[in-house]
Amino acid sequence: MHGKIFSLLLIIAMAVFGLASPVQADTGLPVAVIESNVYDFGAVYEGADVIHEFVIQNKGDADLEITDVKTG
């Protein structure tokens, strides 16, 4: 289960990274900001659960909606 959570968080982070920008938002627009879109787990044994949380912040003035997620 933890592997699935990590995968979902990673996919979301990858999808949002293209929108991430430290620029000031115009009124009424969401601005997705992610500090780091990559995390290196190093060597991981097969079958081991690994977890990393990617924090996505909305620095804009409107709700941020993630409507489509794709892997890179």
C-alpha atoms as a PDB file:
ATOM      1  CA  MET A   1       0.000   0.000   0.000  1.00  0.00           C
ATOM      2  CA  HIS A   2       2.815   2.428   0.822  1.00  0.00           C
ATOM      3  CA  GLY A   3       4.298   1.812  -2.594  1.00  0.00           C
ATOM      4  CA  LYS A   4       0.998   2.825  -4.194  1.00  0.00           C
ATOM      5  CA  ILE A   5       0.862   5.999  -2.089  1.00  0.00           C
ATOM      6  CA  PHE A   6       4.409   6.887  -3.109  1.00  0.00           C
ATOM      7  CA  SER A   7       3.605   6.250  -6.755  1.00  0.00           C
ATOM      8  CA  LEU A   8       0.534   8.478  -6.582  1.00  0.00           C
ATOM      9  CA  LEU A   9       2.463  11.278  -4.870  1.00  0.00           C
ATOM     10  CA  LEU A  10       5.266  10.978  -7.405  1.00  0.00           C
ATOM     11  CA  ILE A  11       2.845  11.132 -10.344  1.00  0.00           C
ATOM     12  CA  ILE A  12       1.088  14.163  -8.879  1.00  0.00           C
ATOM     13  CA  ALA A  13       4.415  15.897  -8.274  1.00  0.00           C
ATOM     14  CA  MET A  14       5.555  15.211 -11.819  1.00  0.00           C
ATOM     15  CA  ALA A  15       2.293  16.506 -13.263  1.00  0.00           C
ATOM     16  CA  VAL A  16       2.313  19.672 -11.200  1.00  0.00           C
ATOM     17  CA  PHE A  17       6.002  20.452 -11.680  1.00  0.00           C
ATOM     18  CA  GLY A  18       5.325  21.799 -15.143  1.00  0.00           C
ATOM     19  CA  LEU A  19       3.026  24.353 -13.519  1.00  0.00           C
ATOM     20  CA  ALA A  20       5.367  25.150 -10.649  1.00  0.00           C
ATOM     21  CA  SER A  21       6.754  28.630 -10.636  1.00  0.00           C
ATOM     22  CA  PRO A  22       7.910  31.008  -7.912  1.00  0.00           C
ATOM     23  CA  VAL A  23       6.358  33.959  -9.779  1.00  0.00           C
ATOM     24  CA  GLN A  24       3.622  36.105  -8.274  1.00  0.00           C
ATOM     25  CA  ALA A  25       0.130  34.933  -9.218  1.00  0.00           C
ATOM     26  CA  ASP A  26      -2.269  37.195 -11.040  1.00  0.00           C
ATOM     27  CA  THR A  27      -5.558  37.748  -9.269  1.00  0.00           C
ATOM     28  CA  GLY A  28      -7.829  34.749  -9.563  1.00  0.00           C
ATOM     29  CA  LEU A  29      -5.244  32.221 -10.742  1.00  0.00           C
ATOM     30  CA  PRO A  30      -3.773  29.213  -8.933  1.00  0.00           C
ATOM     31  CA  VAL A  31       0.021  28.878  -8.812  1.00  0.00           C
ATOM     32  CA  ALA A  32       1.362  25.424  -7.980  1.00  0.00           C
ATOM     33  CA  VAL A  33       4.755  25.456  -6.243  1.00  0.00           C
ATOM     34  CA  ILE A  34       6.762  22.331  -5.445  1.00  0.00           C
ATOM     35  CA  GLU A  35      10.111  22.682  -3.702  1.00  0.00           C
ATOM     36  CA  SER A  36      11.636  19.557  -5.202  1.00  0.00           C
ATOM     37  CA  ASN A  37      10.171  17.255  -7.838  1.00  0.00           C
ATOM     38  CA  VAL A  38      12.845  14.552  -7.526  1.00  0.00           C
ATOM     39  CA  TYR A  39      13.817  12.306  -4.633  1.00  0.00           C
ATOM     40  CA  ASP A  40      16.558   9.664  -4.824  1.00  0.00           C
ATOM     41  CA  PHE A  41      15.864   6.676  -2.589  1.00  0.00           C
ATOM     42  CA  GLY A  42      19.239   5.149  -3.354  1.00  0.00           C
ATOM     43  CA  ALA A  43      19.384   1.351  -3.386  1.00  0.00           C
ATOM     44  CA  VAL A  44      16.064  -0.252  -2.429  1.00  0.00           C
ATOM     45  CA  TYR A  45      15.505  -3.975  -1.968  1.00  0.00           C
ATOM     46  CA  GLU A  46      12.813  -5.500  -4.168  1.00  0.00           C
ATOM     47  CA  GLY A  47       9.497  -5.600  -2.351  1.00  0.00           C
ATOM     48  CA  ALA A  48      10.493  -2.946   0.190  1.00  0.00           C
ATOM     49  CA  ASP A  49       8.058  -0.122   0.859  1.00  0.00           C
ATOM     50  CA  VAL A  50       9.514   3.348   0.367  1.00  0.00           C
ATOM     51  CA  ILE A  51       7.764   6.634   1.060  1.00  0.00           C
ATOM     52  CA  HIS A  52       8.499  10.251   0.281  1.00  0.00           C
ATOM     53  CA  GLU A  53       6.045  13.115   0.471  1.00  0.00           C
ATOM     54  CA  PHE A  54       6.118  15.808  -2.178  1.00  0.00           C
ATOM     55  CA  VAL A  55       4.593  19.003  -0.819  1.00  0.00           C
ATOM     56  CA  ILE A  56       2.592  20.970  -3.346  1.00  0.00           C
ATOM     57  CA  GLN A  57       1.603  24.496  -2.315  1.00  0.00           C
ATOM     58  CA  ASN A  58      -0.904  26.774  -3.964  1.00  0.00           C
ATOM     59  CA  LYS A  59       0.576  30.283  -3.892  1.00  0.00           C
ATOM     60  CA  GLY A  60      -2.186  31.719  -6.067  1.00  0.00           C
ATOM     61  CA  ASP A  61      -5.485  33.430  -5.417  1.00  0.00           C
ATOM     62  CA  ALA A  62      -7.766  30.652  -6.699  1.00  0.00           C
ATOM     63  CA  ASP A  63      -8.295  26.975  -5.894  1.00  0.00           C
ATOM     64  CA  LEU A  64      -5.703  24.645  -7.388  1.00  0.00           C
ATOM     65  CA  GLU A  65      -7.339  21.655  -9.055  1.00  0.00           C
ATOM     66  CA  ILE A  66      -5.314  18.697 -10.316  1.00  0.00           C
ATOM     67  CA  THR A  67      -7.494  17.243 -13.065  1.00  0.00           C
ATOM     68  CA  ASP A  68      -5.066  15.064 -15.006  1.00  0.00           C
ATOM     69  CA  VAL A  69      -2.022  13.085 -13.889  1.00  0.00           C
ATOM     70  CA  LYS A  70       0.515  11.416 -16.205  1.00  0.00           C
ATOM     71  CA  THR A  71       3.882   9.768 -15.651  1.00  0.00           C
ATOM     72  CA  GLY A  72       6.998  11.252 -17.192  1.00  0.00           C
END
